[in-house]
Amino acid sequence: MEEKEHVLEVLSKVKTAIKNNDSAEIKNLSDNIIHECLINQDPDSIAIAVILYSLSKITERRSYHDYKNWNKFYKNYIFSIDKLIEYLKNNKIEEFRQEIEFLRRLIQKLSGNLKQHMQEVFRRAEINKASRIYEHGISMEKTASILGISVWELAEYAGKTGIGDVNLGITLPVKSRIKLAEEIFKK
């Protein structure tokens, strides 16, 4: 785990956002992790970003609270966030990774519609985070590989959001560039 201190800080802020039922802040914190972990492409940090984004979506959708297993699922989810913080603080990186896997498997223990909805939320979270990584210049193939999604899923999502439509070849008009160069060299 290369971004330990940053992830620890974010997870602590997530605890506050959970108490305030602030799904938008949880989503922002997820995006924050993605921005910070791009240089090293740290899979642990990326997994946390996906988990947090999923949590933001889960908390904002009040209809999930009516499902049979909701309370148990949510308590386990929050307890796992606490465990992640504890493991990071104590440098127990292997236990930290096991807790990430526990969170991923948590939805497999659900039943019925809640399980289907949670699986869909996690899948979309992976695709969303992949698009954010791709947006920062990591190749589509590498991004899809990091998050375990197909290039097709990422390309389809990126196409809908317009991420790939950015024209990086747009520059200042020639007259403006000449004027700027003249101003620079006058000094």
N, C-alpha and C. Protein backbone atom coordinates (compact mmCIF):
# COMPACT_ATOMS: atom_id res chain seq x y z
N MET A 1 0.85 -1.18 0.00
CA MET A 1 0.00 0.00 0.00
C MET A 1 0.89 1.23 0.00
N GLU A 2 0.88 1.94 -1.10
CA GLU A 2 1.79 3.07 -1.26
C GLU A 2 1.19 4.39 -0.79
N GLU A 3 -0.09 4.47 -0.71
CA GLU A 3 -0.77 5.71 -0.34
C GLU A 3 -1.38 5.61 1.06
N LYS A 4 -0.72 4.91 1.96
CA LYS A 4 -1.28 4.58 3.27
C LYS A 4 -1.81 5.79 4.02
N GLU A 5 -0.99 6.82 4.18
CA GLU A 5 -1.39 7.99 4.97
C GLU A 5 -2.59 8.70 4.34
N HIS A 6 -2.56 8.80 3.03
CA HIS A 6 -3.66 9.46 2.35
C HIS A 6 -4.96 8.66 2.48
N VAL A 7 -4.87 7.36 2.28
CA VAL A 7 -6.06 6.51 2.39
C VAL A 7 -6.60 6.55 3.82
N LEU A 8 -5.72 6.54 4.77
CA LEU A 8 -6.13 6.61 6.18
C LEU A 8 -6.88 7.91 6.46
N GLU A 9 -6.36 9.00 5.95
CA GLU A 9 -7.03 10.30 6.11
C GLU A 9 -8.41 10.30 5.46
N VAL A 10 -8.49 9.75 4.26
CA VAL A 10 -9.76 9.70 3.54
C VAL A 10 -10.77 8.82 4.28
N LEU A 11 -10.33 7.65 4.75
CA LEU A 11 -11.25 6.76 5.46
C LEU A 11 -11.77 7.42 6.74
N SER A 12 -10.95 8.19 7.39
CA SER A 12 -11.41 8.92 8.59
C SER A 12 -12.48 9.94 8.22
N LYS A 13 -12.29 10.62 7.11
CA LYS A 13 -13.29 11.59 6.64
C LYS A 13 -14.58 10.87 6.21
N VAL A 14 -14.43 9.66 5.68
CA VAL A 14 -15.60 8.87 5.28
C VAL A 14 -16.46 8.57 6.49
N LYS A 15 -15.82 8.25 7.60
CA LYS A 15 -16.57 7.96 8.84
C LYS A 15 -17.47 9.14 9.20
N THR A 16 -16.94 10.35 9.11
CA THR A 16 -17.73 11.55 9.40
C THR A 16 -18.85 11.70 8.38
N ALA A 17 -18.54 11.49 7.11
CA ALA A 17 -19.56 11.62 6.06
C ALA A 17 -20.67 10.59 6.24
N ILE A 18 -20.31 9.39 6.71
CA ILE A 18 -21.33 8.35 6.95
C ILE A 18 -22.26 8.80 8.08
N LYS A 19 -21.66 9.33 9.15
CA LYS A 19 -22.48 9.80 10.28
C LYS A 19 -23.42 10.91 9.85
N ASN A 20 -22.97 11.75 8.91
CA ASN A 20 -23.80 12.85 8.41
C ASN A 20 -24.68 12.43 7.24
N ASN A 21 -24.59 11.16 6.86
CA ASN A 21 -25.36 10.63 5.73
C ASN A 21 -25.11 11.45 4.46
N ASP A 22 -23.85 11.80 4.25
CA ASP A 22 -23.45 12.69 3.15
C ASP A 22 -22.84 11.86 2.00
N SER A 23 -23.70 11.33 1.15
CA SER A 23 -23.24 10.48 0.06
C SER A 23 -22.39 11.26 -0.95
N ALA A 24 -22.67 12.55 -1.13
CA ALA A 24 -21.88 13.36 -2.06
C ALA A 24 -20.44 13.49 -1.59
N GLU A 25 -20.25 13.66 -0.29
CA GLU A 25 -18.89 13.76 0.26
C GLU A 25 -18.15 12.43 0.12
N ILE A 26 -18.85 11.34 0.33
CA ILE A 26 -18.22 10.02 0.17
C ILE A 26 -17.75 9.85 -1.27
N LYS A 27 -18.58 10.26 -2.22
CA LYS A 27 -18.21 10.18 -3.64
C LYS A 27 -16.99 11.05 -3.93
N ASN A 28 -16.98 12.27 -3.38
CA ASN A 28 -15.83 13.16 -3.58
C ASN A 28 -14.54 12.56 -3.01
N LEU A 29 -14.65 11.92 -1.86
CA LEU A 29 -13.49 11.28 -1.26
C LEU A 29 -12.99 10.12 -2.12
N SER A 30 -13.91 9.40 -2.74
CA SER A 30 -13.55 8.33 -3.65
C SER A 30 -12.76 8.90 -4.84
N ASP A 31 -13.26 9.99 -5.40
CA ASP A 31 -12.57 10.64 -6.52
C ASP A 31 -11.19 11.14 -6.10
N ASN A 32 -11.11 11.64 -4.86
CA ASN A 32 -9.84 12.13 -4.32
C ASN A 32 -8.79 11.04 -4.29
N ILE A 33 -9.19 9.85 -3.90
CA ILE A 33 -8.24 8.72 -3.87
C ILE A 33 -7.76 8.41 -5.28
N ILE A 34 -8.67 8.43 -6.23
CA ILE A 34 -8.28 8.14 -7.62
C ILE A 34 -7.24 9.14 -8.10
N HIS A 35 -7.45 10.42 -7.82
CA HIS A 35 -6.49 11.44 -8.25
C HIS A 35 -5.11 11.20 -7.64
N GLU A 36 -5.08 10.82 -6.38
CA GLU A 36 -3.82 10.65 -5.66
C GLU A 36 -3.07 9.37 -6.04
N CYS A 37 -3.78 8.33 -6.43
CA CYS A 37 -3.12 7.04 -6.64
C CYS A 37 -2.74 6.78 -8.09
N LEU A 38 -2.94 7.73 -8.97
CA LEU A 38 -2.68 7.48 -10.39
C LEU A 38 -1.21 7.28 -10.72
N ILE A 39 -0.33 7.96 -10.03
CA ILE A 39 1.09 7.84 -10.35
C ILE A 39 1.57 6.40 -10.15
N ASN A 40 1.23 5.82 -9.00
CA ASN A 40 1.69 4.47 -8.69
C ASN A 40 0.72 3.39 -9.15
N GLN A 41 -0.47 3.77 -9.52
CA GLN A 41 -1.52 2.83 -9.91
C GLN A 41 -1.67 1.74 -8.86
N ASP A 42 -1.73 2.16 -7.62
CA ASP A 42 -1.81 1.27 -6.47
C ASP A 42 -3.16 0.56 -6.44
N PRO A 43 -3.18 -0.77 -6.59
CA PRO A 43 -4.45 -1.50 -6.63
C PRO A 43 -5.25 -1.42 -5.33
N ASP A 44 -4.56 -1.32 -4.18
CA ASP A 44 -5.28 -1.20 -2.91
C ASP A 44 -6.06 0.11 -2.85
N SER A 45 -5.41 1.19 -3.25
CA SER A 45 -6.09 2.48 -3.24
C SER A 45 -7.24 2.52 -4.23
N ILE A 46 -7.03 1.91 -5.37
CA ILE A 46 -8.09 1.87 -6.37
C ILE A 46 -9.27 1.06 -5.85
N ALA A 47 -9.00 -0.05 -5.18
CA ALA A 47 -10.08 -0.86 -4.60
C ALA A 47 -10.86 -0.05 -3.57
N ILE A 48 -10.16 0.73 -2.75
CA ILE A 48 -10.83 1.58 -1.77
C ILE A 48 -11.70 2.62 -2.47
N ALA A 49 -11.20 3.19 -3.55
CA ALA A 49 -11.99 4.18 -4.30
C ALA A 49 -13.29 3.56 -4.81
N VAL A 50 -13.21 2.34 -5.32
CA VAL A 50 -14.42 1.65 -5.81
C VAL A 50 -15.38 1.39 -4.66
N ILE A 51 -14.85 0.92 -3.55
CA ILE A 51 -15.69 0.63 -2.38
C ILE A 51 -16.38 1.90 -1.89
N LEU A 52 -15.64 2.99 -1.82
CA LEU A 52 -16.24 4.25 -1.34
C LEU A 52 -17.29 4.78 -2.31
N TYR A 53 -17.00 4.68 -3.60
CA TYR A 53 -17.98 5.14 -4.58
C TYR A 53 -19.26 4.30 -4.48
N SER A 54 -19.08 3.00 -4.30
CA SER A 54 -20.24 2.12 -4.11
C SER A 54 -21.02 2.53 -2.87
N LEU A 55 -20.29 2.80 -1.79
CA LEU A 55 -20.93 3.22 -0.55
C LEU A 55 -21.72 4.51 -0.75
N SER A 56 -21.18 5.43 -1.53
CA SER A 56 -21.90 6.69 -1.78
C SER A 56 -23.22 6.42 -2.51
N LYS A 57 -23.17 5.51 -3.47
CA LYS A 57 -24.39 5.17 -4.22
C LYS A 57 -25.39 4.42 -3.34
N ILE A 58 -24.86 3.54 -2.49
CA ILE A 58 -25.73 2.77 -1.61
C ILE A 58 -26.44 3.67 -0.61
N THR A 59 -25.71 4.63 -0.05
CA THR A 59 -26.31 5.50 0.96
C THR A 59 -27.28 6.51 0.37
N GLU A 60 -27.08 6.89 -0.87
CA GLU A 60 -27.99 7.89 -1.45
C GLU A 60 -29.32 7.28 -1.91
N ARG A 61 -29.34 5.98 -2.11
CA ARG A 61 -30.57 5.32 -2.57
C ARG A 61 -31.36 4.78 -1.38
N ARG A 62 -32.28 5.55 -0.92
CA ARG A 62 -33.08 5.21 0.26
C ARG A 62 -33.94 3.97 0.06
N SER A 63 -34.25 3.64 -1.16
CA SER A 63 -35.10 2.48 -1.41
C SER A 63 -34.44 1.18 -0.95
N TYR A 64 -33.11 1.14 -0.92
CA TYR A 64 -32.41 -0.06 -0.47
C TYR A 64 -32.68 -0.36 1.00
N HIS A 65 -32.96 0.67 1.77
CA HIS A 65 -33.16 0.51 3.21
C HIS A 65 -34.39 -0.34 3.53
N ASP A 66 -35.25 -0.52 2.58
CA ASP A 66 -36.48 -1.29 2.79
C ASP A 66 -36.28 -2.80 2.58
N TYR A 67 -35.13 -3.19 2.02
CA TYR A 67 -34.90 -4.60 1.78
C TYR A 67 -34.65 -5.35 3.08
N LYS A 68 -34.97 -6.64 3.05
CA LYS A 68 -34.91 -7.51 4.22
C LYS A 68 -33.55 -7.49 4.93
N ASN A 69 -32.47 -7.65 4.22
CA ASN A 69 -31.14 -7.78 4.81
C ASN A 69 -30.36 -6.47 4.90
N TRP A 70 -31.02 -5.35 4.66
CA TRP A 70 -30.32 -4.07 4.58
C TRP A 70 -29.53 -3.74 5.85
N ASN A 71 -30.18 -3.80 7.01
CA ASN A 71 -29.53 -3.36 8.25
C ASN A 71 -28.27 -4.16 8.54
N LYS A 72 -28.32 -5.46 8.38
CA LYS A 72 -27.15 -6.31 8.62
C LYS A 72 -26.04 -5.97 7.62
N PHE A 73 -26.40 -5.83 6.37
CA PHE A 73 -25.42 -5.49 5.33
C PHE A 73 -24.75 -4.16 5.66
N TYR A 74 -25.54 -3.15 5.97
CA TYR A 74 -25.00 -1.81 6.22
C TYR A 74 -24.10 -1.80 7.46
N LYS A 75 -24.52 -2.47 8.53
CA LYS A 75 -23.69 -2.54 9.75
C LYS A 75 -22.36 -3.22 9.45
N ASN A 76 -22.38 -4.29 8.70
CA ASN A 76 -21.14 -4.97 8.32
C ASN A 76 -20.24 -4.07 7.48
N TYR A 77 -20.84 -3.32 6.59
CA TYR A 77 -20.11 -2.41 5.72
C TYR A 77 -19.39 -1.35 6.55
N ILE A 78 -20.12 -0.75 7.48
CA ILE A 78 -19.55 0.29 8.34
C ILE A 78 -18.47 -0.31 9.25
N PHE A 79 -18.74 -1.48 9.79
CA PHE A 79 -17.76 -2.15 10.64
C PHE A 79 -16.47 -2.40 9.85
N SER A 80 -16.59 -2.77 8.60
CA SER A 80 -15.42 -3.02 7.76
C SER A 80 -14.62 -1.74 7.52
N ILE A 81 -15.30 -0.63 7.37
CA ILE A 81 -14.58 0.65 7.23
C ILE A 81 -13.73 0.89 8.48
N ASP A 82 -14.31 0.63 9.66
CA ASP A 82 -13.56 0.75 10.92
C ASP A 82 -12.35 -0.17 10.93
N LYS A 83 -12.54 -1.40 10.45
CA LYS A 83 -11.45 -2.37 10.42
C LYS A 83 -10.34 -1.91 9.46
N LEU A 84 -10.73 -1.37 8.32
CA LEU A 84 -9.74 -0.88 7.37
C LEU A 84 -8.86 0.20 8.01
N ILE A 85 -9.49 1.11 8.74
CA ILE A 85 -8.75 2.17 9.43
C ILE A 85 -7.81 1.57 10.47
N GLU A 86 -8.33 0.65 11.25
CA GLU A 86 -7.52 0.01 12.29
C GLU A 86 -6.31 -0.70 11.69
N TYR A 87 -6.53 -1.48 10.64
CA TYR A 87 -5.44 -2.22 10.02
C TYR A 87 -4.37 -1.29 9.44
N LEU A 88 -4.81 -0.21 8.81
CA LEU A 88 -3.83 0.73 8.26
C LEU A 88 -3.02 1.41 9.37
N LYS A 89 -3.71 1.83 10.41
CA LYS A 89 -3.01 2.49 11.53
C LYS A 89 -1.95 1.59 12.12
N ASN A 90 -2.22 0.29 12.15
CA ASN A 90 -1.30 -0.68 12.76
C ASN A 90 -0.38 -1.38 11.75
N ASN A 91 -0.35 -0.83 10.52
CA ASN A 91 0.51 -1.38 9.46
C ASN A 91 0.24 -2.84 9.16
N LYS A 92 -0.99 -3.26 9.30
CA LYS A 92 -1.38 -4.65 8.99
C LYS A 92 -1.95 -4.68 7.57
N ILE A 93 -1.05 -4.58 6.61
CA ILE A 93 -1.45 -4.43 5.21
C ILE A 93 -2.14 -5.69 4.69
N GLU A 94 -1.67 -6.86 5.07
CA GLU A 94 -2.31 -8.10 4.61
C GLU A 94 -3.74 -8.20 5.13
N GLU A 95 -3.95 -7.85 6.40
CA GLU A 95 -5.30 -7.87 6.97
C GLU A 95 -6.18 -6.82 6.29
N PHE A 96 -5.55 -5.68 5.97
CA PHE A 96 -6.25 -4.62 5.23
C PHE A 96 -6.78 -5.16 3.90
N ARG A 97 -5.93 -5.86 3.18
CA ARG A 97 -6.32 -6.43 1.89
C ARG A 97 -7.41 -7.50 2.05
N GLN A 98 -7.31 -8.28 3.11
CA GLN A 98 -8.34 -9.28 3.38
C GLN A 98 -9.68 -8.61 3.67
N GLU A 99 -9.64 -7.48 4.34
CA GLU A 99 -10.89 -6.76 4.65
C GLU A 99 -11.51 -6.19 3.37
N ILE A 100 -10.66 -5.75 2.45
CA ILE A 100 -11.17 -5.29 1.15
C ILE A 100 -11.90 -6.44 0.46
N GLU A 101 -11.30 -7.62 0.49
CA GLU A 101 -11.95 -8.79 -0.11
C GLU A 101 -13.24 -9.15 0.62
N PHE A 102 -13.24 -9.00 1.94
CA PHE A 102 -14.45 -9.26 2.71
C PHE A 102 -15.58 -8.32 2.24
N LEU A 103 -15.25 -7.06 2.04
CA LEU A 103 -16.25 -6.11 1.56
C LEU A 103 -16.79 -6.51 0.19
N ARG A 104 -15.91 -6.97 -0.67
CA ARG A 104 -16.35 -7.41 -1.99
C ARG A 104 -17.26 -8.64 -1.91
N ARG A 105 -16.94 -9.55 -0.98
CA ARG A 105 -17.74 -10.78 -0.82
C ARG A 105 -19.04 -10.53 -0.05
N LEU A 106 -19.09 -9.44 0.67
CA LEU A 106 -20.26 -9.14 1.50
C LEU A 106 -21.55 -9.19 0.70
N ILE A 107 -21.52 -8.71 -0.52
CA ILE A 107 -22.75 -8.71 -1.31
C ILE A 107 -23.15 -10.12 -1.75
N GLN A 108 -22.18 -11.04 -1.80
CA GLN A 108 -22.51 -12.41 -2.17
C GLN A 108 -23.37 -13.09 -1.12
N LYS A 109 -23.30 -12.59 0.10
CA LYS A 109 -24.07 -13.18 1.20
C LYS A 109 -25.51 -12.67 1.23
N LEU A 110 -25.80 -11.67 0.44
CA LEU A 110 -27.16 -11.13 0.40
C LEU A 110 -28.06 -12.06 -0.40
N SER A 111 -29.34 -11.76 -0.37
CA SER A 111 -30.27 -12.57 -1.14
C SER A 111 -31.23 -11.66 -1.90
N GLY A 112 -31.87 -12.24 -2.88
CA GLY A 112 -32.94 -11.58 -3.62
C GLY A 112 -32.52 -10.31 -4.33
N ASN A 113 -33.46 -9.36 -4.35
CA ASN A 113 -33.26 -8.11 -5.09
C ASN A 113 -32.12 -7.26 -4.54
N LEU A 114 -31.93 -7.28 -3.22
CA LEU A 114 -30.86 -6.47 -2.65
C LEU A 114 -29.51 -6.93 -3.18
N LYS A 115 -29.31 -8.23 -3.29
CA LYS A 115 -28.06 -8.76 -3.82
C LYS A 115 -27.86 -8.29 -5.26
N GLN A 116 -28.90 -8.38 -6.07
CA GLN A 116 -28.80 -7.95 -7.46
C GLN A 116 -28.48 -6.46 -7.56
N HIS A 117 -29.15 -5.66 -6.74
CA HIS A 117 -28.90 -4.22 -6.76
C HIS A 117 -27.48 -3.90 -6.32
N MET A 118 -27.00 -4.54 -5.28
CA MET A 118 -25.65 -4.29 -4.77
C MET A 118 -24.60 -4.71 -5.79
N GLN A 119 -24.80 -5.85 -6.44
CA GLN A 119 -23.85 -6.29 -7.47
C GLN A 119 -23.79 -5.26 -8.60
N GLU A 120 -24.92 -4.74 -8.98
CA GLU A 120 -24.96 -3.73 -10.04
C GLU A 120 -24.27 -2.44 -9.60
N VAL A 121 -24.48 -2.03 -8.35
CA VAL A 121 -23.83 -0.83 -7.84
C VAL A 121 -22.31 -0.99 -7.87
N PHE A 122 -21.81 -2.13 -7.41
CA PHE A 122 -20.36 -2.36 -7.41
C PHE A 122 -19.82 -2.41 -8.83
N ARG A 123 -20.53 -3.05 -9.73
CA ARG A 123 -20.06 -3.13 -11.13
C ARG A 123 -19.98 -1.74 -11.75
N ARG A 124 -21.01 -0.96 -11.54
CA ARG A 124 -21.00 0.40 -12.08
C ARG A 124 -19.92 1.26 -11.43
N ALA A 125 -19.67 1.02 -10.15
CA ALA A 125 -18.62 1.77 -9.46
C ALA A 125 -17.26 1.45 -10.08
N GLU A 126 -17.02 0.19 -10.40
CA GLU A 126 -15.76 -0.19 -11.04
C GLU A 126 -15.60 0.51 -12.39
N ILE A 127 -16.67 0.55 -13.15
CA ILE A 127 -16.63 1.18 -14.47
C ILE A 127 -16.44 2.69 -14.32
N ASN A 128 -17.13 3.29 -13.35
CA ASN A 128 -16.99 4.73 -13.12
C ASN A 128 -15.56 5.09 -12.73
N LYS A 129 -14.99 4.35 -11.80
CA LYS A 129 -13.61 4.64 -11.36
C LYS A 129 -12.63 4.39 -12.51
N ALA A 130 -12.90 3.38 -13.32
CA ALA A 130 -12.05 3.12 -14.48
C ALA A 130 -12.08 4.32 -15.42
N SER A 131 -13.25 4.90 -15.59
CA SER A 131 -13.34 6.05 -16.49
C SER A 131 -12.56 7.24 -15.93
N ARG A 132 -12.53 7.40 -14.61
CA ARG A 132 -11.77 8.49 -13.99
C ARG A 132 -10.27 8.26 -14.18
N ILE A 133 -9.84 7.01 -14.09
CA ILE A 133 -8.43 6.71 -14.30
C ILE A 133 -8.07 6.97 -15.76
N TYR A 134 -8.91 6.48 -16.66
CA TYR A 134 -8.69 6.68 -18.09
C TYR A 134 -8.66 8.17 -18.43
N GLU A 135 -9.52 8.92 -17.79
CA GLU A 135 -9.59 10.37 -17.99
C GLU A 135 -8.26 11.04 -17.67
N HIS A 136 -7.50 10.45 -16.76
CA HIS A 136 -6.21 11.02 -16.37
C HIS A 136 -5.05 10.54 -17.23
N GLY A 137 -5.34 9.83 -18.31
CA GLY A 137 -4.31 9.50 -19.27
C GLY A 137 -3.76 8.09 -19.23
N ILE A 138 -4.26 7.25 -18.34
CA ILE A 138 -3.82 5.85 -18.33
C ILE A 138 -4.55 5.16 -19.48
N SER A 139 -3.87 4.29 -20.21
CA SER A 139 -4.48 3.67 -21.39
C SER A 139 -5.74 2.90 -21.01
N MET A 140 -6.62 2.76 -21.97
CA MET A 140 -7.87 2.06 -21.75
C MET A 140 -7.62 0.60 -21.36
N GLU A 141 -6.67 -0.04 -22.02
CA GLU A 141 -6.36 -1.44 -21.73
C GLU A 141 -5.83 -1.60 -20.31
N LYS A 142 -4.89 -0.74 -19.91
CA LYS A 142 -4.30 -0.80 -18.58
C LYS A 142 -5.37 -0.53 -17.52
N THR A 143 -6.20 0.46 -17.76
CA THR A 143 -7.26 0.82 -16.82
C THR A 143 -8.24 -0.32 -16.64
N ALA A 144 -8.66 -0.91 -17.74
CA ALA A 144 -9.60 -2.03 -17.66
C ALA A 144 -8.97 -3.19 -16.90
N SER A 145 -7.70 -3.43 -17.13
CA SER A 145 -7.00 -4.50 -16.44
C SER A 145 -6.90 -4.25 -14.94
N ILE A 146 -6.60 -3.03 -14.54
CA ILE A 146 -6.47 -2.68 -13.13
C ILE A 146 -7.77 -2.96 -12.38
N LEU A 147 -8.90 -2.64 -13.01
CA LEU A 147 -10.18 -2.78 -12.33
C LEU A 147 -10.95 -4.04 -12.69
N GLY A 148 -10.39 -4.87 -13.53
CA GLY A 148 -11.04 -6.14 -13.83
C GLY A 148 -12.33 -6.01 -14.62
N ILE A 149 -12.37 -5.01 -15.48
CA ILE A 149 -13.52 -4.85 -16.36
C ILE A 149 -13.04 -5.03 -17.80
N SER A 150 -13.98 -5.12 -18.71
CA SER A 150 -13.57 -5.28 -20.10
C SER A 150 -13.31 -3.91 -20.73
N VAL A 151 -12.46 -3.90 -21.73
CA VAL A 151 -12.18 -2.67 -22.47
C VAL A 151 -13.48 -2.17 -23.10
N TRP A 152 -14.32 -3.11 -23.53
CA TRP A 152 -15.60 -2.75 -24.13
C TRP A 152 -16.47 -1.96 -23.15
N GLU A 153 -16.57 -2.42 -21.90
CA GLU A 153 -17.38 -1.72 -20.90
C GLU A 153 -16.84 -0.31 -20.67
N LEU A 154 -15.53 -0.20 -20.56
CA LEU A 154 -14.93 1.11 -20.35
C LEU A 154 -15.13 2.02 -21.55
N ALA A 155 -14.94 1.47 -22.74
CA ALA A 155 -15.12 2.28 -23.96
C ALA A 155 -16.56 2.76 -24.09
N GLU A 156 -17.49 1.88 -23.78
CA GLU A 156 -18.90 2.25 -23.87
C GLU A 156 -19.22 3.38 -22.88
N TYR A 157 -18.74 3.26 -21.64
CA TYR A 157 -19.00 4.28 -20.63
C TYR A 157 -18.31 5.59 -20.99
N ALA A 158 -17.05 5.50 -21.40
CA ALA A 158 -16.30 6.71 -21.77
C ALA A 158 -16.96 7.41 -22.96
N GLY A 159 -17.51 6.62 -23.88
CA GLY A 159 -18.20 7.21 -25.02
C GLY A 159 -19.44 7.98 -24.62
N LYS A 160 -20.14 7.48 -23.62
CA LYS A 160 -21.35 8.16 -23.14
C LYS A 160 -21.02 9.45 -22.39
N THR A 161 -19.88 9.45 -21.70
CA THR A 161 -19.53 10.62 -20.88
C THR A 161 -18.75 11.66 -21.67
N GLY A 162 -18.23 11.28 -22.82
CA GLY A 162 -17.47 12.24 -23.63
C GLY A 162 -16.02 12.38 -23.19
N ILE A 163 -15.54 11.49 -22.32
CA ILE A 163 -14.17 11.56 -21.82
C ILE A 163 -13.17 11.51 -22.98
N GLY A 164 -13.43 10.64 -23.93
CA GLY A 164 -12.50 10.47 -25.04
C GLY A 164 -12.63 11.53 -26.12
N ASP A 165 -13.58 12.44 -25.99
CA ASP A 165 -13.82 13.44 -27.01
C ASP A 165 -12.98 14.70 -26.86
N VAL A 166 -12.12 14.74 -25.85
CA VAL A 166 -11.33 15.93 -25.60
C VAL A 166 -10.30 16.07 -26.72
N ASN A 167 -10.28 17.22 -27.36
CA ASN A 167 -9.34 17.47 -28.43
C ASN A 167 -8.10 18.14 -27.84
N LEU A 168 -7.05 17.35 -27.69
CA LEU A 168 -5.83 17.87 -27.08
C LEU A 168 -5.01 18.69 -28.07
N GLY A 169 -5.39 18.68 -29.34
CA GLY A 169 -4.63 19.40 -30.35
C GLY A 169 -5.05 20.84 -30.51
N ILE A 170 -6.01 21.30 -29.75
CA ILE A 170 -6.48 22.68 -29.87
C ILE A 170 -5.46 23.59 -29.20
N THR A 171 -5.00 24.58 -29.93
CA THR A 171 -4.05 25.55 -29.38
C THR A 171 -4.57 26.95 -29.63
N LEU A 172 -3.81 27.90 -29.16
CA LEU A 172 -4.16 29.29 -29.44
C LEU A 172 -4.03 29.56 -30.93
N PRO A 173 -4.80 30.48 -31.44
CA PRO A 173 -4.62 30.87 -32.85
C PRO A 173 -3.20 31.42 -33.05
N VAL A 174 -2.71 31.35 -34.28
CA VAL A 174 -1.35 31.74 -34.61
C VAL A 174 -1.06 33.17 -34.15
N LYS A 175 -1.97 34.11 -34.42
CA LYS A 175 -1.74 35.52 -34.05
C LYS A 175 -1.59 35.66 -32.53
N SER A 176 -2.39 34.91 -31.79
CA SER A 176 -2.31 34.98 -30.32
C SER A 176 -1.00 34.40 -29.82
N ARG A 177 -0.52 33.33 -30.45
CA ARG A 177 0.74 32.73 -30.04
C ARG A 177 1.91 33.67 -30.32
N ILE A 178 1.87 34.34 -31.47
CA ILE A 178 2.94 35.29 -31.82
C ILE A 178 2.95 36.44 -30.82
N LYS A 179 1.78 36.95 -30.50
CA LYS A 179 1.67 38.05 -29.55
C LYS A 179 2.20 37.63 -28.18
N LEU A 180 1.86 36.43 -27.74
CA LEU A 180 2.32 35.92 -26.46
C LEU A 180 3.84 35.77 -26.47
N ALA A 181 4.40 35.24 -27.55
CA ALA A 181 5.85 35.07 -27.66
C ALA A 181 6.56 36.42 -27.63
N GLU A 182 6.01 37.40 -28.32
CA GLU A 182 6.60 38.75 -28.32
C GLU A 182 6.61 39.33 -26.90
N GLU A 183 5.51 39.14 -26.17
CA GLU A 183 5.43 39.66 -24.80
C GLU A 183 6.44 38.98 -23.90
N ILE A 184 6.63 37.69 -24.06
CA ILE A 184 7.59 36.95 -23.25
C ILE A 184 9.01 37.43 -23.51
N PHE A 185 9.36 37.62 -24.79
CA PHE A 185 10.75 37.98 -25.14
C PHE A 185 11.04 39.46 -24.98
N LYS A 186 10.04 40.29 -24.77
CA LYS A 186 10.28 41.72 -24.50
C LYS A 186 10.93 41.91 -23.14
N LYS A 187 10.64 40.98 -22.23
CA LYS A 187 11.15 41.11 -20.86
C LYS A 187 12.54 40.70 -20.83
